[in-house]
Amino acid sequence: SQAQTPSFKEQQIDGEVGIGYGLAVAD
């Protein structure tokens, strides 16, 4: 909208994945 422009910074944290089947996020 006029008041909001989304933007993201891209960071690759691993470039040696076999097949990244499934992700989860937790402490």
PDB file of all heavy atoms in Angstrom:
ATOM      1  N   SER A   1       0.866  -1.162   0.000  1.00  0.00           N
ATOM      2  CA  SER A   1       0.000   0.000   0.000  1.00  0.00           C
ATOM      3  C   SER A   1       0.903   1.211   0.000  1.00  0.00           C
ATOM      4  O   SER A   1       2.120   1.108   0.023  1.00  0.00           O
ATOM      5  CB  SER A   1      -0.901  -0.016   1.248  1.00  0.00           C
ATOM      6  OG  SER A   1      -0.111   0.175   2.402  1.00  0.00           O
ATOM      7  N   GLN A   2       0.332   2.386  -0.010  1.00  0.00           N
ATOM      8  CA  GLN A   2       1.141   3.598  -0.022  1.00  0.00           C
ATOM      9  C   GLN A   2       1.974   3.730   1.241  1.00  0.00           C
ATOM     10  O   GLN A   2       3.006   4.382   1.236  1.00  0.00           O
ATOM     11  CB  GLN A   2       0.221   4.814  -0.181  1.00  0.00           C
ATOM     12  CG  GLN A   2      -0.435   4.883  -1.557  1.00  0.00           C
ATOM     13  CD  GLN A   2      -1.303   6.109  -1.693  1.00  0.00           C
ATOM     14  OE1 GLN A   2      -1.551   6.812  -0.716  1.00  0.00           O
ATOM     15  NE2 GLN A   2      -1.760   6.376  -2.904  1.00  0.00           N
ATOM     16  N   ALA A   3       1.520   3.082   2.317  1.00  0.00           N
ATOM     17  CA  ALA A   3       2.216   3.241   3.593  1.00  0.00           C
ATOM     18  C   ALA A   3       3.141   2.070   3.908  1.00  0.00           C
ATOM     19  O   ALA A   3       3.845   2.111   4.890  1.00  0.00           O
ATOM     20  CB  ALA A   3       1.193   3.400   4.721  1.00  0.00           C
ATOM     21  N   GLN A   4       3.131   1.032   3.068  1.00  0.00           N
ATOM     22  CA  GLN A   4       3.862  -0.171   3.440  1.00  0.00           C
ATOM     23  C   GLN A   4       4.526  -0.793   2.225  1.00  0.00           C
ATOM     24  O   GLN A   4       3.859  -1.156   1.267  1.00  0.00           O
ATOM     25  CB  GLN A   4       2.888  -1.186   4.063  1.00  0.00           C
ATOM     26  CG  GLN A   4       3.535  -2.482   4.492  1.00  0.00           C
ATOM     27  CD  GLN A   4       4.411  -2.299   5.704  1.00  0.00           C
ATOM     28  OE1 GLN A   4       3.940  -1.863   6.735  1.00  0.00           O
ATOM     29  NE2 GLN A   4       5.686  -2.601   5.577  1.00  0.00           N
ATOM     30  N   THR A   5       5.847  -0.916   2.259  1.00  0.00           N
ATOM     31  CA  THR A   5       6.583  -1.590   1.199  1.00  0.00           C
ATOM     32  C   THR A   5       7.375  -2.726   1.823  1.00  0.00           C
ATOM     33  O   THR A   5       8.373  -2.475   2.507  1.00  0.00           O
ATOM     34  CB  THR A   5       7.535  -0.632   0.479  1.00  0.00           C
ATOM     35  OG1 THR A   5       6.799   0.463  -0.045  1.00  0.00           O
ATOM     36  CG2 THR A   5       8.251  -1.352  -0.658  1.00  0.00           C
ATOM     37  N   PRO A   6       6.972  -3.970   1.636  1.00  0.00           N
ATOM     38  CA  PRO A   6       7.705  -5.079   2.250  1.00  0.00           C
ATOM     39  C   PRO A   6       9.048  -5.289   1.585  1.00  0.00           C
ATOM     40  O   PRO A   6       9.199  -5.145   0.373  1.00  0.00           O
ATOM     41  CB  PRO A   6       6.794  -6.277   2.025  1.00  0.00           C
ATOM     42  CG  PRO A   6       6.017  -5.918   0.819  1.00  0.00           C
ATOM     43  CD  PRO A   6       5.814  -4.441   0.861  1.00  0.00           C
ATOM     44  N   SER A   7      10.037  -5.607   2.377  1.00  0.00           N
ATOM     45  CA  SER A   7      11.350  -5.953   1.840  1.00  0.00           C
ATOM     46  C   SER A   7      11.991  -6.982   2.751  1.00  0.00           C
ATOM     47  O   SER A   7      11.654  -7.081   3.924  1.00  0.00           O
ATOM     48  CB  SER A   7      12.247  -4.711   1.721  1.00  0.00           C
ATOM     49  OG  SER A   7      12.497  -4.148   2.994  1.00  0.00           O
ATOM     50  N   PHE A   8      12.887  -7.756   2.186  1.00  0.00           N
ATOM     51  CA  PHE A   8      13.536  -8.827   2.922  1.00  0.00           C
ATOM     52  C   PHE A   8      15.030  -8.825   2.615  1.00  0.00           C
ATOM     53  O   PHE A   8      15.437  -8.489   1.503  1.00  0.00           O
ATOM     54  CB  PHE A   8      12.952 -10.188   2.513  1.00  0.00           C
ATOM     55  CG  PHE A   8      11.530 -10.403   2.944  1.00  0.00           C
ATOM     56  CD1 PHE A   8      10.483  -9.919   2.177  1.00  0.00           C
ATOM     57  CD2 PHE A   8      11.249 -11.084   4.110  1.00  0.00           C
ATOM     58  CE1 PHE A   8       9.173 -10.109   2.563  1.00  0.00           C
ATOM     59  CE2 PHE A   8       9.941 -11.294   4.502  1.00  0.00           C
ATOM     60  CZ  PHE A   8       8.896 -10.805   3.732  1.00  0.00           C
ATOM     61  N   LYS A   9      15.820  -9.192   3.609  1.00  0.00           N
ATOM     62  CA  LYS A   9      17.232  -9.490   3.400  1.00  0.00           C
ATOM     63  C   LYS A   9      17.387 -10.991   3.292  1.00  0.00           C
ATOM     64  O   LYS A   9      16.936 -11.737   4.146  1.00  0.00           O
ATOM     65  CB  LYS A   9      18.086  -8.991   4.568  1.00  0.00           C
ATOM     66  CG  LYS A   9      18.343  -7.505   4.612  1.00  0.00           C
ATOM     67  CD  LYS A   9      19.261  -7.183   5.781  1.00  0.00           C
ATOM     68  CE  LYS A   9      19.584  -5.694   5.853  1.00  0.00           C
ATOM     69  NZ  LYS A   9      20.471  -5.408   7.017  1.00  0.00           N
ATOM     70  N   GLU A  10      18.065 -11.420   2.256  1.00  0.00           N
ATOM     71  CA  GLU A  10      18.271 -12.839   2.007  1.00  0.00           C
ATOM     72  C   GLU A  10      19.608 -13.280   2.581  1.00  0.00           C
ATOM     73  O   GLU A  10      20.641 -12.675   2.285  1.00  0.00           O
ATOM     74  CB  GLU A  10      18.228 -13.093   0.506  1.00  0.00           C
ATOM     75  CG  GLU A  10      18.550 -14.508   0.102  1.00  0.00           C
ATOM     76  CD  GLU A  10      18.677 -14.614  -1.404  1.00  0.00           C
ATOM     77  OE1 GLU A  10      17.702 -14.302  -2.120  1.00  0.00           O
ATOM     78  OE2 GLU A  10      19.772 -15.016  -1.866  1.00  0.00           O
ATOM     79  N   GLN A  11      19.599 -14.321   3.412  1.00  0.00           N
ATOM     80  CA  GLN A  11      20.830 -14.870   3.959  1.00  0.00           C
ATOM     81  C   GLN A  11      20.815 -16.380   3.820  1.00  0.00           C
ATOM     82  O   GLN A  11      19.944 -17.058   4.378  1.00  0.00           O
ATOM     83  CB  GLN A  11      21.005 -14.500   5.434  1.00  0.00           C
ATOM     84  CG  GLN A  11      22.299 -15.039   6.038  1.00  0.00           C
ATOM     85  CD  GLN A  11      22.460 -14.715   7.512  1.00  0.00           C
ATOM     86  OE1 GLN A  11      21.569 -14.126   8.122  1.00  0.00           O
ATOM     87  NE2 GLN A  11      23.582 -15.094   8.079  1.00  0.00           N
ATOM     88  N   GLN A  12      21.777 -16.897   3.085  1.00  0.00           N
ATOM     89  CA  GLN A  12      21.918 -18.344   2.986  1.00  0.00           C
ATOM     90  C   GLN A  12      22.752 -18.837   4.161  1.00  0.00           C
ATOM     91  O   GLN A  12      23.885 -18.423   4.337  1.00  0.00           O
ATOM     92  CB  GLN A  12      22.578 -18.733   1.670  1.00  0.00           C
ATOM     93  CG  GLN A  12      22.751 -20.235   1.501  1.00  0.00           C
ATOM     94  CD  GLN A  12      23.071 -20.627   0.074  1.00  0.00           C
ATOM     95  OE1 GLN A  12      22.226 -20.569  -0.795  1.00  0.00           O
ATOM     96  NE2 GLN A  12      24.325 -21.021  -0.167  1.00  0.00           N
ATOM     97  N   ILE A  13      22.191 -19.727   4.957  1.00  0.00           N
ATOM     98  CA  ILE A  13      22.914 -20.232   6.124  1.00  0.00           C
ATOM     99  C   ILE A  13      23.490 -21.622   5.895  1.00  0.00           C
ATOM    100  O   ILE A  13      24.291 -22.101   6.701  1.00  0.00           O
ATOM    101  CB  ILE A  13      22.040 -20.221   7.396  1.00  0.00           C
ATOM    102  CG1 ILE A  13      20.834 -21.150   7.259  1.00  0.00           C
ATOM    103  CG2 ILE A  13      21.602 -18.792   7.722  1.00  0.00           C
ATOM    104  CD1 ILE A  13      20.080 -21.364   8.561  1.00  0.00           C
ATOM    105  N   ASP A  14      23.081 -22.269   4.812  1.00  0.00           N
ATOM    106  CA  ASP A  14      23.636 -23.583   4.486  1.00  0.00           C
ATOM    107  C   ASP A  14      23.498 -23.786   2.980  1.00  0.00           C
ATOM    108  O   ASP A  14      22.400 -23.650   2.438  1.00  0.00           O
ATOM    109  CB  ASP A  14      22.895 -24.691   5.241  1.00  0.00           C
ATOM    110  CG  ASP A  14      23.630 -26.030   5.209  1.00  0.00           C
ATOM    111  OD1 ASP A  14      24.567 -26.175   4.389  1.00  0.00           O
ATOM    112  OD2 ASP A  14      23.267 -26.926   5.992  1.00  0.00           O
ATOM    113  N   GLY A  15      24.603 -24.086   2.323  1.00  0.00           N
ATOM    114  CA  GLY A  15      24.592 -24.347   0.898  1.00  0.00           C
ATOM    115  C   GLY A  15      24.974 -25.765   0.561  1.00  0.00           C
ATOM    116  O   GLY A  15      25.295 -26.065  -0.589  1.00  0.00           O
ATOM    117  N   GLU A  16      24.940 -26.658   1.563  1.00  0.00           N
ATOM    118  CA  GLU A  16      25.357 -28.039   1.356  1.00  0.00           C
ATOM    119  C   GLU A  16      24.285 -29.014   1.842  1.00  0.00           C
ATOM    120  O   GLU A  16      24.557 -30.016   2.486  1.00  0.00           O
ATOM    121  CB  GLU A  16      26.680 -28.302   2.074  1.00  0.00           C
ATOM    122  CG  GLU A  16      27.835 -27.457   1.533  1.00  0.00           C
ATOM    123  CD  GLU A  16      29.137 -27.717   2.265  1.00  0.00           C
ATOM    124  OE1 GLU A  16      29.084 -28.167   3.426  1.00  0.00           O
ATOM    125  OE2 GLU A  16      30.206 -27.471   1.673  1.00  0.00           O
ATOM    126  N   VAL A  17      23.036 -28.718   1.510  1.00  0.00           N
ATOM    127  CA  VAL A  17      21.907 -29.558   1.906  1.00  0.00           C
ATOM    128  C   VAL A  17      21.762 -30.706   0.918  1.00  0.00           C
ATOM    129  O   VAL A  17      21.966 -30.527  -0.290  1.00  0.00           O
ATOM    130  CB  VAL A  17      20.619 -28.700   1.958  1.00  0.00           C
ATOM    131  CG1 VAL A  17      19.386 -29.574   2.133  1.00  0.00           C
ATOM    132  CG2 VAL A  17      20.727 -27.672   3.070  1.00  0.00           C
ATOM    133  N   GLY A  18      21.412 -31.888   1.413  1.00  0.00           N
ATOM    134  CA  GLY A  18      21.141 -33.014   0.527  1.00  0.00           C
ATOM    135  C   GLY A  18      19.796 -32.831  -0.149  1.00  0.00           C
ATOM    136  O   GLY A  18      19.696 -32.432  -1.308  1.00  0.00           O
ATOM    137  N   ILE A  19      18.727 -33.113   0.584  1.00  0.00           N
ATOM    138  CA  ILE A  19      17.359 -32.790   0.175  1.00  0.00           C
ATOM    139  C   ILE A  19      16.691 -32.188   1.402  1.00  0.00           C
ATOM    140  O   ILE A  19      16.501 -32.884   2.400  1.00  0.00           O
ATOM    141  CB  ILE A  19      16.581 -34.036  -0.284  1.00  0.00           C
ATOM    142  CG1 ILE A  19      17.248 -34.657  -1.504  1.00  0.00           C
ATOM    143  CG2 ILE A  19      15.133 -33.671  -0.596  1.00  0.00           C
ATOM    144  CD1 ILE A  19      16.612 -35.970  -1.938  1.00  0.00           C
ATOM    145  N   GLY A  20      16.348 -30.935   1.348  1.00  0.00           N
ATOM    146  CA  GLY A  20      15.787 -30.264   2.522  1.00  0.00           C
ATOM    147  C   GLY A  20      14.334 -30.623   2.730  1.00  0.00           C
ATOM    148  O   GLY A  20      13.433 -29.796   2.559  1.00  0.00           O
ATOM    149  N   TYR A  21      14.080 -31.861   3.130  1.00  0.00           N
ATOM    150  CA  TYR A  21      12.713 -32.380   3.174  1.00  0.00           C
ATOM    151  C   TYR A  21      11.776 -31.580   4.079  1.00  0.00           C
ATOM    152  O   TYR A  21      10.660 -31.250   3.690  1.00  0.00           O
ATOM    153  CB  TYR A  21      12.725 -33.838   3.663  1.00  0.00           C
ATOM    154  CG  TYR A  21      13.076 -34.862   2.634  1.00  0.00           C
ATOM    155  CD1 TYR A  21      14.296 -35.526   2.671  1.00  0.00           C
ATOM    156  CD2 TYR A  21      12.185 -35.198   1.627  1.00  0.00           C
ATOM    157  CE1 TYR A  21      14.624 -36.496   1.738  1.00  0.00           C
ATOM    158  CE2 TYR A  21      12.496 -36.172   0.681  1.00  0.00           C
ATOM    159  CZ  TYR A  21      13.712 -36.820   0.743  1.00  0.00           C
ATOM    160  OH  TYR A  21      14.032 -37.783  -0.185  1.00  0.00           O
ATOM    161  N   GLY A  22      12.206 -31.290   5.305  1.00  0.00           N
ATOM    162  CA  GLY A  22      11.275 -30.688   6.254  1.00  0.00           C
ATOM    163  C   GLY A  22      11.943 -29.730   7.207  1.00  0.00           C
ATOM    164  O   GLY A  22      13.027 -30.000   7.730  1.00  0.00           O
ATOM    165  N   LEU A  23      11.291 -28.591   7.452  1.00  0.00           N
ATOM    166  CA  LEU A  23      11.772 -27.569   8.378  1.00  0.00           C
ATOM    167  C   LEU A  23      10.891 -27.503   9.615  1.00  0.00           C
ATOM    168  O   LEU A  23       9.704 -27.821   9.572  1.00  0.00           O
ATOM    169  CB  LEU A  23      11.757 -26.196   7.707  1.00  0.00           C
ATOM    170  CG  LEU A  23      12.827 -25.875   6.671  1.00  0.00           C
ATOM    171  CD1 LEU A  23      12.457 -24.609   5.920  1.00  0.00           C
ATOM    172  CD2 LEU A  23      14.190 -25.716   7.335  1.00  0.00           C
ATOM    173  N   ALA A  24      11.475 -27.026  10.708  1.00  0.00           N
ATOM    174  CA  ALA A  24      10.724 -26.675  11.908  1.00  0.00           C
ATOM    175  C   ALA A  24      11.448 -25.522  12.591  1.00  0.00           C
ATOM    176  O   ALA A  24      12.648 -25.298  12.356  1.00  0.00           O
ATOM    177  CB  ALA A  24      10.605 -27.870  12.859  1.00  0.00           C
ATOM    178  N   VAL A  25      10.751 -24.782  13.419  1.00  0.00           N
ATOM    179  CA  VAL A  25      11.354 -23.704  14.201  1.00  0.00           C
ATOM    180  C   VAL A  25      10.944 -23.874  15.660  1.00  0.00           C
ATOM    181  O   VAL A  25       9.774 -24.106  15.966  1.00  0.00           O
ATOM    182  CB  VAL A  25      10.934 -22.313  13.667  1.00  0.00           C
ATOM    183  CG1 VAL A  25      11.692 -21.977  12.399  1.00  0.00           C
ATOM    184  CG2 VAL A  25       9.426 -22.228  13.405  1.00  0.00           C
ATOM    185  N   ALA A  26      11.919 -23.779  16.552  1.00  0.00           N
ATOM    186  CA  ALA A  26      11.673 -23.941  17.979  1.00  0.00           C
ATOM    187  C   ALA A  26      12.946 -23.559  18.727  1.00  0.00           C
ATOM    188  O   ALA A  26      14.027 -23.469  18.140  1.00  0.00           O
ATOM    189  CB  ALA A  26      11.283 -25.383  18.318  1.00  0.00           C
ATOM    190  N   ASP A  27      12.813 -23.349  20.032  1.00  0.00           N
ATOM    191  CA  ASP A  27      13.980 -23.111  20.884  1.00  0.00           C
ATOM    192  C   ASP A  27      14.533 -24.469  21.296  1.00  0.00           C
ATOM    193  O   ASP A  27      13.920 -25.188  22.085  1.00  0.00           O
ATOM    194  CB  ASP A  27      13.566 -22.291  22.107  1.00  0.00           C
ATOM    195  CG  ASP A  27      14.752 -21.905  22.983  1.00  0.00           C
ATOM    196  OD1 ASP A  27      15.865 -22.405  22.759  1.00  0.00           O
ATOM    197  OD2 ASP A  27      14.548 -21.094  23.915  1.00  0.00           O
TER     198      ASP A  27
END
